[in-house]
Amino acid sequence: MRNAGTAGTLGAQKVRSRRNVRDMSFTYSAVLMASVFLLVLCGYIWSRVTVVSIGYDISSANVKRDKLIERNRRLIIEFEKLKSPKRIEGIALRELNLVYPRREQVVDIR
């Protein structure tokens, strides 16, 4: 007679059969997972490259803005110099040969 404990122990075990070498489901799953991983990795790298590129664009735009602000400041100073009454009076007297009007040439309008 067999040992009742042994038959019950062996009968309760789950025994896996060898994996069928021709079963390609594992290979397909591995290729699918690798493809998904590579796709996610490429998306991450693309996003990082885009962020760095935009950072360089922003930096370049800030430098250009600073140069334009400085140029605008210089142009305002030059404009103020050009419109000064003393300069305009000097040009009128020297280059245009204008003279101050005599008292009898001035007409008051009220």
C-alpha atoms as a PDB file:
ATOM      1  CA  MET A   1       0.000   0.000   0.000  1.00  0.00           C
ATOM      2  CA  ARG A   2       1.201   3.460  -0.844  1.00  0.00           C
ATOM      3  CA  ASN A   3       1.892   6.111   1.663  1.00  0.00           C
ATOM      4  CA  ALA A   4      -1.191   8.281   1.696  1.00  0.00           C
ATOM      5  CA  GLY A   5       0.774  11.409   2.638  1.00  0.00           C
ATOM      6  CA  THR A   6       3.106  11.133  -0.333  1.00  0.00           C
ATOM      7  CA  ALA A   7       0.406  10.672  -2.949  1.00  0.00           C
ATOM      8  CA  GLY A   8      -1.485  13.641  -1.624  1.00  0.00           C
ATOM      9  CA  THR A   9       1.614  15.815  -1.628  1.00  0.00           C
ATOM     10  CA  LEU A  10       2.610  14.974  -5.171  1.00  0.00           C
ATOM     11  CA  GLY A  11      -0.939  15.202  -6.413  1.00  0.00           C
ATOM     12  CA  ALA A  12      -1.381  18.707  -4.999  1.00  0.00           C
ATOM     13  CA  GLN A  13       1.727  20.097  -6.719  1.00  0.00           C
ATOM     14  CA  LYS A  14       1.333  22.121  -9.813  1.00  0.00           C
ATOM     15  CA  VAL A  15       3.806  20.896 -12.370  1.00  0.00           C
ATOM     16  CA  ARG A  16       4.650  23.095 -15.311  1.00  0.00           C
ATOM     17  CA  SER A  17       5.386  21.496 -18.541  1.00  0.00           C
ATOM     18  CA  ARG A  18       8.395  22.710 -20.462  1.00  0.00           C
ATOM     19  CA  ARG A  19       7.861  25.851 -22.461  1.00  0.00           C
ATOM     20  CA  ASN A  20       7.250  25.163 -26.086  1.00  0.00           C
ATOM     21  CA  VAL A  21      10.154  26.599 -28.048  1.00  0.00           C
ATOM     22  CA  ARG A  22       7.880  27.294 -30.993  1.00  0.00           C
ATOM     23  CA  ASP A  23       5.562  29.412 -28.842  1.00  0.00           C
ATOM     24  CA  MET A  24       6.458  32.991 -29.894  1.00  0.00           C
ATOM     25  CA  SER A  25       4.166  34.819 -27.474  1.00  0.00           C
ATOM     26  CA  PHE A  26       7.070  35.592 -25.112  1.00  0.00           C
ATOM     27  CA  THR A  27       9.182  36.907 -27.990  1.00  0.00           C
ATOM     28  CA  TYR A  28       6.332  39.062 -29.280  1.00  0.00           C
ATOM     29  CA  SER A  29       5.715  40.395 -25.776  1.00  0.00           C
ATOM     30  CA  ALA A  30       9.410  41.180 -25.296  1.00  0.00           C
ATOM     31  CA  VAL A  31       9.612  42.955 -28.672  1.00  0.00           C
ATOM     32  CA  LEU A  32       6.426  44.895 -27.887  1.00  0.00           C
ATOM     33  CA  MET A  33       7.740  45.977 -24.479  1.00  0.00           C
ATOM     34  CA  ALA A  34      11.118  46.973 -25.965  1.00  0.00           C
ATOM     35  CA  SER A  35       9.333  48.968 -28.678  1.00  0.00           C
ATOM     36  CA  VAL A  36       7.177  50.775 -26.120  1.00  0.00           C
ATOM     37  CA  PHE A  37      10.259  51.513 -24.007  1.00  0.00           C
ATOM     38  CA  LEU A  38      12.153  52.890 -27.016  1.00  0.00           C
ATOM     39  CA  LEU A  39       9.149  54.982 -28.049  1.00  0.00           C
ATOM     40  CA  VAL A  40       8.863  56.497 -24.559  1.00  0.00           C
ATOM     41  CA  LEU A  41      12.635  57.074 -24.461  1.00  0.00           C
ATOM     42  CA  CYS A  42      12.562  58.823 -27.858  1.00  0.00           C
ATOM     43  CA  GLY A  43       9.632  60.995 -26.702  1.00  0.00           C
ATOM     44  CA  TYR A  44      11.517  61.976 -23.554  1.00  0.00           C
ATOM     45  CA  ILE A  45      14.702  62.805 -25.473  1.00  0.00           C
ATOM     46  CA  TRP A  46      12.720  64.816 -28.037  1.00  0.00           C
ATOM     47  CA  SER A  47      11.020  66.809 -25.286  1.00  0.00           C
ATOM     48  CA  ARG A  48      14.352  67.547 -23.552  1.00  0.00           C
ATOM     49  CA  VAL A  49      15.942  68.677 -26.831  1.00  0.00           C
ATOM     50  CA  THR A  50      12.930  70.904 -27.492  1.00  0.00           C
ATOM     51  CA  VAL A  51      13.136  72.453 -24.010  1.00  0.00           C
ATOM     52  CA  VAL A  52      16.866  73.166 -24.413  1.00  0.00           C
ATOM     53  CA  SER A  53      16.299  74.648 -27.876  1.00  0.00           C
ATOM     54  CA  ILE A  54      13.528  76.916 -26.596  1.00  0.00           C
ATOM     55  CA  GLY A  55      15.797  77.932 -23.709  1.00  0.00           C
ATOM     56  CA  TYR A  56      18.458  79.032 -26.194  1.00  0.00           C
ATOM     57  CA  ASP A  57      15.828  80.920 -28.212  1.00  0.00           C
ATOM     58  CA  ILE A  58      14.637  82.732 -25.079  1.00  0.00           C
ATOM     59  CA  SER A  59      18.204  83.614 -24.113  1.00  0.00           C
ATOM     60  CA  SER A  60      18.891  84.957 -27.600  1.00  0.00           C
ATOM     61  CA  ALA A  61      15.671  86.980 -27.550  1.00  0.00           C
ATOM     62  CA  ASN A  62      16.599  88.475 -24.160  1.00  0.00           C
ATOM     63  CA  VAL A  63      20.015  89.550 -25.466  1.00  0.00           C
ATOM     64  CA  LYS A  64      18.384  91.093 -28.540  1.00  0.00           C
ATOM     65  CA  ARG A  65      15.812  92.874 -26.350  1.00  0.00           C
ATOM     66  CA  ASP A  66      18.561  94.299 -24.131  1.00  0.00           C
ATOM     67  CA  LYS A  67      20.417  95.602 -27.195  1.00  0.00           C
ATOM     68  CA  LEU A  68      17.228  97.202 -28.526  1.00  0.00           C
ATOM     69  CA  ILE A  69      16.503  98.845 -25.168  1.00  0.00           C
ATOM     70  CA  GLU A  70      20.034 100.281 -25.117  1.00  0.00           C
ATOM     71  CA  ARG A  71      19.691 101.511 -28.714  1.00  0.00           C
ATOM     72  CA  ASN A  72      16.325 103.103 -27.872  1.00  0.00           C
ATOM     73  CA  ARG A  73      17.893 104.869 -24.875  1.00  0.00           C
ATOM     74  CA  ARG A  74      20.667 106.258 -27.074  1.00  0.00           C
ATOM     75  CA  LEU A  75      18.176 107.392 -29.715  1.00  0.00           C
ATOM     76  CA  ILE A  76      16.099 109.209 -27.107  1.00  0.00           C
ATOM     77  CA  ILE A  77      19.211 111.041 -25.885  1.00  0.00           C
ATOM     78  CA  GLU A  78      20.163 111.940 -29.470  1.00  0.00           C
ATOM     79  CA  PHE A  79      16.600 113.127 -30.167  1.00  0.00           C
ATOM     80  CA  GLU A  80      16.654 115.353 -27.087  1.00  0.00           C
ATOM     81  CA  LYS A  81      19.963 116.869 -28.217  1.00  0.00           C
ATOM     82  CA  LEU A  82      18.694 117.465 -31.760  1.00  0.00           C
ATOM     83  CA  LYS A  83      15.509 119.224 -30.668  1.00  0.00           C
ATOM     84  CA  SER A  84      17.160 121.515 -28.132  1.00  0.00           C
ATOM     85  CA  PRO A  85      16.277 125.187 -28.719  1.00  0.00           C
ATOM     86  CA  LYS A  86      19.919 126.326 -28.521  1.00  0.00           C
ATOM     87  CA  ARG A  87      20.919 123.955 -31.348  1.00  0.00           C
ATOM     88  CA  ILE A  88      17.979 125.018 -33.524  1.00  0.00           C
ATOM     89  CA  GLU A  89      18.774 128.685 -32.889  1.00  0.00           C
ATOM     90  CA  GLY A  90      22.429 128.128 -33.824  1.00  0.00           C
ATOM     91  CA  ILE A  91      21.479 126.434 -37.111  1.00  0.00           C
ATOM     92  CA  ALA A  92      19.018 129.207 -37.918  1.00  0.00           C
ATOM     93  CA  LEU A  93      21.622 131.914 -37.317  1.00  0.00           C
ATOM     94  CA  ARG A  94      24.685 130.273 -38.907  1.00  0.00           C
ATOM     95  CA  GLU A  95      23.432 128.059 -41.719  1.00  0.00           C
ATOM     96  CA  LEU A  96      20.151 129.681 -42.709  1.00  0.00           C
ATOM     97  CA  ASN A  97      21.302 133.260 -42.141  1.00  0.00           C
ATOM     98  CA  LEU A  98      18.173 134.126 -40.208  1.00  0.00           C
ATOM     99  CA  VAL A  99      18.146 137.129 -37.892  1.00  0.00           C
ATOM    100  CA  TYR A 100      16.051 138.149 -34.929  1.00  0.00           C
ATOM    101  CA  PRO A 101      13.101 140.326 -35.980  1.00  0.00           C
ATOM    102  CA  ARG A 102      13.176 144.021 -35.199  1.00  0.00           C
ATOM    103  CA  ARG A 103      10.640 145.411 -32.796  1.00  0.00           C
ATOM    104  CA  GLU A 104       8.489 146.932 -35.544  1.00  0.00           C
ATOM    105  CA  GLN A 105       8.336 143.566 -37.378  1.00  0.00           C
ATOM    106  CA  VAL A 106       6.673 141.815 -34.451  1.00  0.00           C
ATOM    107  CA  VAL A 107       2.869 141.824 -34.515  1.00  0.00           C
ATOM    108  CA  ASP A 108       0.987 140.900 -31.347  1.00  0.00           C
ATOM    109  CA  ILE A 109      -2.211 138.960 -31.889  1.00  0.00           C
ATOM    110  CA  ARG A 110      -4.740 138.966 -29.104  1.00  0.00           C
END
